[in-house]
Amino acid sequence: MPIDAREIESLLRTMEDGQTQLQAQINGRITRAMRDLLGVARGVVHVRSGDLRDSLYIIAPSVAGDITESNIAARVSYAELEADKGGEHDYAARTIEEGAAIIDNLAEDIADLVSAAFGVGRA
């Protein structure tokens, strides 16, 4: 039975569309989690003037190879110095600690999205 090039092209388009849709779903879920983590970060940051807290923002999800990443950044120059003081000043570490459930839920949601995209269930 000969291989029909149109069928292969159609299958490839379907696979690419599915990958694009999956990436959009993952990006959307990451964005929601990052919004939640931004709220945590703004709640735990050591506040003197409020400038650091108010400068925190989300860097939108981006894809580099097989990795999708997002980040919370600050627009003030002293943000890293503040975090380097440690303890209650290390808002990044405190955000990760206090936002652990958000991060865990994100990982579970992404695993569910990927499993569903490939038509397999998760145990």
N, C-alpha and C. Protein backbone atom coordinates (compact mmCIF):
# COMPACT_ATOMS: atom_id res chain seq x y z
N MET A 1 0.85 -1.17 0.00
CA MET A 1 0.00 0.00 0.00
C MET A 1 0.90 1.24 0.00
N PRO A 2 0.77 2.08 -1.02
CA PRO A 2 1.62 3.27 -1.10
C PRO A 2 1.25 4.31 -0.04
N ILE A 3 2.25 5.07 0.35
CA ILE A 3 2.03 6.14 1.33
C ILE A 3 1.59 7.39 0.58
N ASP A 4 0.49 7.96 1.03
CA ASP A 4 -0.05 9.17 0.41
C ASP A 4 0.58 10.38 1.10
N ALA A 5 1.30 11.17 0.34
CA ALA A 5 1.99 12.34 0.90
C ALA A 5 1.00 13.31 1.54
N ARG A 6 -0.21 13.41 0.99
CA ARG A 6 -1.21 14.32 1.57
C ARG A 6 -1.62 13.87 2.96
N GLU A 7 -1.71 12.56 3.17
CA GLU A 7 -2.05 12.04 4.49
C GLU A 7 -0.94 12.34 5.49
N ILE A 8 0.29 12.19 5.06
CA ILE A 8 1.42 12.49 5.94
C ILE A 8 1.43 13.98 6.28
N GLU A 9 1.24 14.83 5.29
CA GLU A 9 1.21 16.28 5.53
C GLU A 9 0.07 16.65 6.48
N SER A 10 -1.08 16.02 6.30
CA SER A 10 -2.22 16.28 7.18
C SER A 10 -1.91 15.85 8.60
N LEU A 11 -1.31 14.68 8.74
CA LEU A 11 -0.94 14.17 10.07
C LEU A 11 0.08 15.11 10.73
N LEU A 12 1.06 15.57 9.98
CA LEU A 12 2.06 16.49 10.53
C LEU A 12 1.41 17.81 10.98
N ARG A 13 0.49 18.33 10.17
CA ARG A 13 -0.22 19.56 10.56
C ARG A 13 -1.03 19.35 11.84
N THR A 14 -1.68 18.20 11.94
CA THR A 14 -2.46 17.88 13.14
C THR A 14 -1.55 17.81 14.36
N MET A 15 -0.39 17.18 14.21
CA MET A 15 0.56 17.08 15.32
C MET A 15 1.08 18.46 15.71
N GLU A 16 1.41 19.29 14.73
CA GLU A 16 1.90 20.64 15.03
C GLU A 16 0.82 21.47 15.70
N ASP A 17 -0.42 21.34 15.23
CA ASP A 17 -1.52 22.07 15.85
C ASP A 17 -1.73 21.62 17.29
N GLY A 18 -1.62 20.32 17.52
CA GLY A 18 -1.77 19.79 18.87
C GLY A 18 -0.67 20.29 19.79
N GLN A 19 0.56 20.34 19.27
CA GLN A 19 1.68 20.83 20.07
C GLN A 19 1.50 22.31 20.38
N THR A 20 1.04 23.08 19.41
CA THR A 20 0.79 24.51 19.62
C THR A 20 -0.30 24.71 20.66
N GLN A 21 -1.35 23.93 20.57
CA GLN A 21 -2.45 24.03 21.53
C GLN A 21 -1.99 23.64 22.93
N LEU A 22 -1.23 22.57 23.03
CA LEU A 22 -0.71 22.14 24.33
C LEU A 22 0.18 23.22 24.93
N GLN A 23 1.06 23.81 24.12
CA GLN A 23 1.94 24.86 24.63
C GLN A 23 1.14 26.06 25.11
N ALA A 24 0.08 26.41 24.40
CA ALA A 24 -0.77 27.52 24.82
C ALA A 24 -1.46 27.20 26.15
N GLN A 25 -1.91 25.97 26.33
CA GLN A 25 -2.54 25.57 27.59
C GLN A 25 -1.53 25.61 28.73
N ILE A 26 -0.32 25.13 28.48
CA ILE A 26 0.72 25.15 29.50
C ILE A 26 1.06 26.59 29.87
N ASN A 27 1.24 27.44 28.85
CA ASN A 27 1.54 28.85 29.12
C ASN A 27 0.44 29.52 29.93
N GLY A 28 -0.80 29.22 29.62
CA GLY A 28 -1.92 29.78 30.37
C GLY A 28 -1.90 29.34 31.82
N ARG A 29 -1.61 28.06 32.05
CA ARG A 29 -1.56 27.56 33.43
C ARG A 29 -0.37 28.15 34.19
N ILE A 30 0.75 28.29 33.50
CA ILE A 30 1.91 28.92 34.14
C ILE A 30 1.58 30.37 34.50
N THR A 31 0.93 31.07 33.61
CA THR A 31 0.58 32.48 33.87
C THR A 31 -0.32 32.60 35.09
N ARG A 32 -1.30 31.72 35.20
CA ARG A 32 -2.19 31.76 36.38
C ARG A 32 -1.40 31.50 37.67
N ALA A 33 -0.50 30.52 37.61
CA ALA A 33 0.31 30.21 38.80
C ALA A 33 1.24 31.38 39.13
N MET A 34 1.80 32.00 38.12
CA MET A 34 2.70 33.13 38.37
C MET A 34 1.95 34.31 38.97
N ARG A 35 0.72 34.52 38.56
CA ARG A 35 -0.08 35.58 39.19
C ARG A 35 -0.29 35.28 40.68
N ASP A 36 -0.56 34.02 40.97
CA ASP A 36 -0.72 33.64 42.37
C ASP A 36 0.59 33.83 43.14
N LEU A 37 1.70 33.42 42.53
CA LEU A 37 3.00 33.57 43.18
C LEU A 37 3.39 35.05 43.33
N LEU A 38 3.00 35.87 42.37
CA LEU A 38 3.25 37.31 42.50
C LEU A 38 2.54 37.86 43.73
N GLY A 39 1.33 37.40 43.96
CA GLY A 39 0.61 37.81 45.17
C GLY A 39 1.34 37.38 46.43
N VAL A 40 1.89 36.16 46.41
CA VAL A 40 2.66 35.68 47.56
C VAL A 40 3.90 36.55 47.73
N ALA A 41 4.62 36.81 46.64
CA ALA A 41 5.85 37.61 46.71
C ALA A 41 5.56 39.00 47.27
N ARG A 42 4.50 39.61 46.80
CA ARG A 42 4.16 40.95 47.30
C ARG A 42 3.74 40.91 48.76
N GLY A 43 3.26 39.77 49.21
CA GLY A 43 2.87 39.63 50.62
C GLY A 43 4.02 39.35 51.56
N VAL A 44 5.11 38.75 51.03
CA VAL A 44 6.22 38.38 51.91
C VAL A 44 7.40 39.34 51.83
N VAL A 45 7.45 40.17 50.82
CA VAL A 45 8.60 41.06 50.65
C VAL A 45 8.69 42.03 51.83
N HIS A 46 9.91 42.25 52.30
CA HIS A 46 10.16 43.18 53.41
C HIS A 46 9.87 44.59 52.91
N VAL A 47 8.97 45.29 53.58
CA VAL A 47 8.52 46.59 53.10
C VAL A 47 9.02 47.71 53.99
N ARG A 48 9.73 48.62 53.40
CA ARG A 48 10.10 49.86 54.07
C ARG A 48 9.35 50.99 53.37
N SER A 49 9.60 51.18 52.08
CA SER A 49 8.92 52.24 51.33
C SER A 49 7.78 51.68 50.48
N GLY A 50 7.83 50.39 50.16
CA GLY A 50 6.85 49.78 49.28
C GLY A 50 7.30 49.77 47.83
N ASP A 51 8.44 50.40 47.54
CA ASP A 51 8.90 50.47 46.15
C ASP A 51 9.23 49.09 45.58
N LEU A 52 9.92 48.27 46.35
CA LEU A 52 10.26 46.93 45.87
C LEU A 52 8.99 46.12 45.65
N ARG A 53 8.13 46.10 46.61
CA ARG A 53 6.87 45.34 46.49
C ARG A 53 6.10 45.79 45.25
N ASP A 54 5.99 47.08 45.05
CA ASP A 54 5.21 47.61 43.94
C ASP A 54 5.89 47.42 42.59
N SER A 55 7.20 47.15 42.61
CA SER A 55 7.93 47.00 41.35
C SER A 55 7.92 45.56 40.84
N LEU A 56 7.48 44.61 41.64
CA LEU A 56 7.47 43.21 41.22
C LEU A 56 6.51 43.00 40.07
N TYR A 57 6.95 42.22 39.09
CA TYR A 57 6.11 41.92 37.93
C TYR A 57 6.45 40.54 37.39
N ILE A 58 5.58 40.03 36.53
CA ILE A 58 5.75 38.70 35.94
C ILE A 58 6.39 38.82 34.57
N ILE A 59 7.39 38.00 34.32
CA ILE A 59 7.93 37.84 32.98
C ILE A 59 7.13 36.71 32.35
N ALA A 60 6.49 37.01 31.23
CA ALA A 60 5.61 36.05 30.57
C ALA A 60 6.33 34.75 30.23
N PRO A 61 5.59 33.64 30.21
CA PRO A 61 6.21 32.36 29.86
C PRO A 61 6.89 32.42 28.49
N SER A 62 8.05 31.80 28.40
CA SER A 62 8.76 31.70 27.13
C SER A 62 9.31 30.28 27.01
N VAL A 63 9.55 29.89 25.78
CA VAL A 63 10.02 28.54 25.50
C VAL A 63 11.45 28.60 24.98
N ALA A 64 12.31 27.81 25.60
CA ALA A 64 13.69 27.66 25.14
C ALA A 64 13.95 26.17 25.01
N GLY A 65 13.93 25.68 23.80
CA GLY A 65 14.07 24.24 23.58
C GLY A 65 12.86 23.51 24.12
N ASP A 66 13.09 22.62 25.05
CA ASP A 66 12.00 21.84 25.65
C ASP A 66 11.54 22.42 26.98
N ILE A 67 12.07 23.59 27.35
CA ILE A 67 11.77 24.17 28.65
C ILE A 67 10.91 25.42 28.49
N THR A 68 9.83 25.47 29.25
CA THR A 68 9.01 26.67 29.32
C THR A 68 9.26 27.29 30.68
N GLU A 69 9.58 28.58 30.69
CA GLU A 69 9.87 29.22 31.97
C GLU A 69 9.18 30.57 32.08
N SER A 70 9.04 30.99 33.30
CA SER A 70 8.49 32.30 33.63
C SER A 70 9.19 32.73 34.91
N ASN A 71 9.11 34.00 35.22
CA ASN A 71 9.82 34.49 36.38
C ASN A 71 9.09 35.70 36.96
N ILE A 72 9.41 36.00 38.20
CA ILE A 72 8.97 37.25 38.83
C ILE A 72 10.22 38.10 38.96
N ALA A 73 10.15 39.33 38.49
CA ALA A 73 11.29 40.24 38.52
C ALA A 73 10.89 41.53 39.22
N ALA A 74 11.89 42.35 39.49
CA ALA A 74 11.67 43.64 40.15
C ALA A 74 12.26 44.74 39.29
N ARG A 75 11.61 45.89 39.32
CA ARG A 75 12.08 47.03 38.54
C ARG A 75 13.00 47.96 39.34
N VAL A 76 13.28 47.64 40.58
CA VAL A 76 14.17 48.49 41.37
C VAL A 76 15.56 47.87 41.40
N SER A 77 16.57 48.70 41.38
CA SER A 77 17.94 48.22 41.26
C SER A 77 18.44 47.46 42.48
N TYR A 78 17.85 47.69 43.63
CA TYR A 78 18.36 47.08 44.86
C TYR A 78 17.67 45.77 45.23
N ALA A 79 16.83 45.24 44.36
CA ALA A 79 16.07 44.02 44.68
C ALA A 79 16.98 42.85 45.04
N GLU A 80 18.02 42.63 44.25
CA GLU A 80 18.92 41.50 44.51
C GLU A 80 19.69 41.71 45.82
N LEU A 81 20.09 42.93 46.09
CA LEU A 81 20.79 43.22 47.34
C LEU A 81 19.89 42.95 48.55
N GLU A 82 18.63 43.29 48.40
CA GLU A 82 17.66 43.05 49.49
C GLU A 82 17.53 41.56 49.73
N ALA A 83 17.35 40.79 48.68
CA ALA A 83 17.19 39.34 48.83
C ALA A 83 18.46 38.71 49.40
N ASP A 84 19.62 39.24 49.01
CA ASP A 84 20.89 38.69 49.50
C ASP A 84 21.10 38.88 51.00
N LYS A 85 20.33 39.76 51.62
CA LYS A 85 20.42 39.94 53.07
C LYS A 85 19.95 38.69 53.80
N GLY A 86 19.13 37.89 53.12
CA GLY A 86 18.63 36.65 53.71
C GLY A 86 17.49 36.86 54.67
N GLY A 87 17.06 35.77 55.27
CA GLY A 87 15.97 35.82 56.25
C GLY A 87 14.71 36.44 55.68
N GLU A 88 14.10 37.31 56.45
CA GLU A 88 12.85 37.92 56.01
C GLU A 88 13.03 38.82 54.79
N HIS A 89 14.26 39.17 54.48
CA HIS A 89 14.53 40.01 53.30
C HIS A 89 14.59 39.20 52.01
N ASP A 90 14.81 37.89 52.11
CA ASP A 90 14.94 37.05 50.92
C ASP A 90 13.54 36.68 50.40
N TYR A 91 12.94 37.64 49.75
CA TYR A 91 11.55 37.46 49.29
C TYR A 91 11.43 36.34 48.26
N ALA A 92 12.48 36.09 47.49
CA ALA A 92 12.41 35.02 46.49
C ALA A 92 12.30 33.65 47.16
N ALA A 93 13.16 33.40 48.14
CA ALA A 93 13.11 32.12 48.85
C ALA A 93 11.80 31.99 49.62
N ARG A 94 11.37 33.09 50.24
CA ARG A 94 10.12 33.04 51.00
C ARG A 94 8.92 32.81 50.08
N THR A 95 8.98 33.36 48.88
CA THR A 95 7.90 33.14 47.92
C THR A 95 7.82 31.67 47.54
N ILE A 96 8.98 31.06 47.30
CA ILE A 96 9.01 29.63 46.95
C ILE A 96 8.50 28.79 48.12
N GLU A 97 8.94 29.11 49.33
CA GLU A 97 8.50 28.35 50.50
C GLU A 97 6.99 28.49 50.71
N GLU A 98 6.52 29.71 50.72
CA GLU A 98 5.10 29.93 51.01
C GLU A 98 4.20 29.63 49.81
N GLY A 99 4.79 29.57 48.62
CA GLY A 99 4.01 29.26 47.43
C GLY A 99 4.20 27.83 46.96
N ALA A 100 4.74 26.98 47.82
CA ALA A 100 5.02 25.59 47.42
C ALA A 100 3.78 24.87 46.91
N ALA A 101 2.65 25.09 47.52
CA ALA A 101 1.42 24.42 47.07
C ALA A 101 1.04 24.88 45.67
N ILE A 102 1.25 26.15 45.38
CA ILE A 102 0.95 26.68 44.04
C ILE A 102 1.85 26.00 43.01
N ILE A 103 3.13 25.87 43.35
CA ILE A 103 4.10 25.24 42.45
C ILE A 103 3.77 23.76 42.26
N ASP A 104 3.44 23.07 43.34
CA ASP A 104 3.08 21.65 43.25
C ASP A 104 1.83 21.46 42.40
N ASN A 105 0.84 22.32 42.60
CA ASN A 105 -0.40 22.22 41.81
C ASN A 105 -0.12 22.49 40.33
N LEU A 106 0.76 23.45 40.06
CA LEU A 106 1.14 23.73 38.67
C LEU A 106 1.76 22.50 38.03
N ALA A 107 2.68 21.86 38.72
CA ALA A 107 3.33 20.66 38.18
C ALA A 107 2.30 19.56 37.89
N GLU A 108 1.36 19.37 38.80
CA GLU A 108 0.31 18.36 38.60
C GLU A 108 -0.57 18.72 37.41
N ASP A 109 -0.95 20.00 37.31
CA ASP A 109 -1.80 20.43 36.20
C ASP A 109 -1.11 20.25 34.86
N ILE A 110 0.17 20.58 34.79
CA ILE A 110 0.90 20.42 33.53
C ILE A 110 1.04 18.93 33.19
N ALA A 111 1.31 18.10 34.18
CA ALA A 111 1.37 16.66 33.93
C ALA A 111 0.04 16.14 33.40
N ASP A 112 -1.06 16.64 33.95
CA ASP A 112 -2.39 16.25 33.47
C ASP A 112 -2.61 16.70 32.02
N LEU A 113 -2.20 17.94 31.71
CA LEU A 113 -2.35 18.46 30.35
C LEU A 113 -1.56 17.62 29.35
N VAL A 114 -0.33 17.29 29.69
CA VAL A 114 0.52 16.50 28.80
C VAL A 114 -0.04 15.08 28.65
N SER A 115 -0.47 14.49 29.76
CA SER A 115 -1.05 13.14 29.70
C SER A 115 -2.29 13.13 28.81
N ALA A 116 -3.15 14.13 28.98
CA ALA A 116 -4.36 14.20 28.16
C ALA A 116 -4.03 14.40 26.69
N ALA A 117 -3.00 15.20 26.41
CA ALA A 117 -2.62 15.44 25.01
C ALA A 117 -2.15 14.17 24.33
N PHE A 118 -1.54 13.27 25.11
CA PHE A 118 -1.06 12.02 24.54
C PHE A 118 -2.04 10.87 24.74
N GLY A 119 -3.19 11.19 25.34
CA GLY A 119 -4.23 10.19 25.50
C GLY A 119 -3.92 9.11 26.50
N VAL A 120 -3.14 9.46 27.50
CA VAL A 120 -2.85 8.48 28.56
C VAL A 120 -3.33 9.02 29.89
N GLY A 121 -3.70 8.10 30.76
CA GLY A 121 -4.15 8.49 32.10
C GLY A 121 -2.98 8.54 33.06
N ARG A 122 -3.21 9.20 34.16
CA ARG A 122 -2.20 9.26 35.21
C ARG A 122 -2.68 8.46 36.39
N ALA A 123 -1.75 7.78 37.05
CA ALA A 123 -2.09 6.97 38.22
C ALA A 123 -2.26 7.83 39.44
